[in-house]
Amino acid sequence: MAHPKRKTSKQRKHKRRTHYKASLPTLAKCSNCGATVQYHHVCPECGYYRGKLAISKETVEIN
């Protein structure tokens, strides 16, 4: 049986032992404004979460 001549580094061992593929987070449409939102997150456009206002967004007026 073959014997290793050198110690296998942690990085090399962990690279070999990975059995997953990185995936994109699941996206949904905001029920209030229709913007694309990541699940379980407040909408960055309008500040709503599950149909309720979570963060009041201030409107900036350009004069």
C-alpha atoms as a PDB file:
ATOM      1  CA  MET A   1       0.000   0.000   0.000  1.00  0.00           C
ATOM      2  CA  ALA A   2       1.299   3.469  -0.857  1.00  0.00           C
ATOM      3  CA  HIS A   3       2.380   5.778   1.954  1.00  0.00           C
ATOM      4  CA  PRO A   4       2.301   9.579   1.724  1.00  0.00           C
ATOM      5  CA  LYS A   5       5.713  11.204   1.550  1.00  0.00           C
ATOM      6  CA  ARG A   6       4.432  14.576   2.813  1.00  0.00           C
ATOM      7  CA  LYS A   7       1.652  15.803   5.066  1.00  0.00           C
ATOM      8  CA  THR A   8      -1.507  16.842   3.192  1.00  0.00           C
ATOM      9  CA  SER A   9      -2.156  20.522   3.949  1.00  0.00           C
ATOM     10  CA  LYS A  10      -5.487  21.645   5.440  1.00  0.00           C
ATOM     11  CA  GLN A  11      -6.273  23.678   2.343  1.00  0.00           C
ATOM     12  CA  ARG A  12      -5.696  20.747   0.011  1.00  0.00           C
ATOM     13  CA  LYS A  13      -7.696  18.396   2.243  1.00  0.00           C
ATOM     14  CA  HIS A  14     -10.639  20.804   2.514  1.00  0.00           C
ATOM     15  CA  LYS A  15     -10.676  21.456  -1.240  1.00  0.00           C
ATOM     16  CA  ARG A  16     -10.891  17.742  -1.896  1.00  0.00           C
ATOM     17  CA  ARG A  17     -13.665  17.225   0.644  1.00  0.00           C
ATOM     18  CA  THR A  18     -16.056  19.846  -0.718  1.00  0.00           C
ATOM     19  CA  HIS A  19     -19.219  18.365  -2.175  1.00  0.00           C
ATOM     20  CA  TYR A  20     -21.406  21.402  -2.578  1.00  0.00           C
ATOM     21  CA  LYS A  21     -21.997  23.967  -5.264  1.00  0.00           C
ATOM     22  CA  ALA A  22     -22.560  27.606  -4.411  1.00  0.00           C
ATOM     23  CA  SER A  23     -26.082  28.654  -5.354  1.00  0.00           C
ATOM     24  CA  LEU A  24     -27.783  31.992  -5.741  1.00  0.00           C
ATOM     25  CA  PRO A  25     -30.212  33.138  -3.032  1.00  0.00           C
ATOM     26  CA  THR A  26     -33.912  32.702  -3.756  1.00  0.00           C
ATOM     27  CA  LEU A  27     -35.556  35.895  -4.973  1.00  0.00           C
ATOM     28  CA  ALA A  28     -39.176  36.988  -4.798  1.00  0.00           C
ATOM     29  CA  LYS A  29     -41.250  39.994  -5.817  1.00  0.00           C
ATOM     30  CA  CYS A  30     -42.194  42.610  -3.249  1.00  0.00           C
ATOM     31  CA  SER A  31     -45.934  42.523  -2.572  1.00  0.00           C
ATOM     32  CA  ASN A  32     -46.031  46.318  -2.240  1.00  0.00           C
ATOM     33  CA  CYS A  33     -43.914  47.707  -5.101  1.00  0.00           C
ATOM     34  CA  GLY A  34     -43.013  44.644  -7.199  1.00  0.00           C
ATOM     35  CA  ALA A  35     -39.233  45.012  -6.842  1.00  0.00           C
ATOM     36  CA  THR A  36     -37.021  41.923  -6.643  1.00  0.00           C
ATOM     37  CA  VAL A  37     -36.275  41.063  -3.004  1.00  0.00           C
ATOM     38  CA  GLN A  38     -34.319  38.287  -1.299  1.00  0.00           C
ATOM     39  CA  TYR A  39     -36.528  36.042   0.892  1.00  0.00           C
ATOM     40  CA  HIS A  40     -36.809  37.066   4.573  1.00  0.00           C
ATOM     41  CA  HIS A  41     -35.402  40.553   3.892  1.00  0.00           C
ATOM     42  CA  VAL A  42     -36.935  44.027   3.912  1.00  0.00           C
ATOM     43  CA  CYS A  43     -37.522  45.499   0.449  1.00  0.00           C
ATOM     44  CA  PRO A  44     -34.719  47.989  -0.294  1.00  0.00           C
ATOM     45  CA  GLU A  45     -36.994  50.052  -2.555  1.00  0.00           C
ATOM     46  CA  CYS A  46     -40.053  50.694  -0.368  1.00  0.00           C
ATOM     47  CA  GLY A  47     -39.094  49.363   3.094  1.00  0.00           C
ATOM     48  CA  TYR A  48     -41.966  46.854   3.385  1.00  0.00           C
ATOM     49  CA  TYR A  49     -41.684  43.315   4.770  1.00  0.00           C
ATOM     50  CA  ARG A  50     -44.570  40.825   4.461  1.00  0.00           C
ATOM     51  CA  GLY A  51     -47.060  43.561   3.646  1.00  0.00           C
ATOM     52  CA  LYS A  52     -46.151  45.814   6.603  1.00  0.00           C
ATOM     53  CA  LEU A  53     -43.970  48.901   6.746  1.00  0.00           C
ATOM     54  CA  ALA A  54     -40.691  47.907   8.430  1.00  0.00           C
ATOM     55  CA  ILE A  55     -38.437  50.859   7.565  1.00  0.00           C
ATOM     56  CA  SER A  56     -39.706  54.305   6.650  1.00  0.00           C
ATOM     57  CA  LYS A  57     -37.879  55.441   3.541  1.00  0.00           C
ATOM     58  CA  GLU A  58     -37.290  59.163   3.113  1.00  0.00           C
ATOM     59  CA  THR A  59     -37.846  60.579  -0.336  1.00  0.00           C
ATOM     60  CA  VAL A  60     -35.111  62.831  -1.634  1.00  0.00           C
ATOM     61  CA  GLU A  61     -36.300  65.743  -3.770  1.00  0.00           C
ATOM     62  CA  ILE A  62     -33.946  67.205  -6.353  1.00  0.00           C
ATOM     63  CA  ASN A  63     -34.502  70.905  -6.957  1.00  0.00           C
END
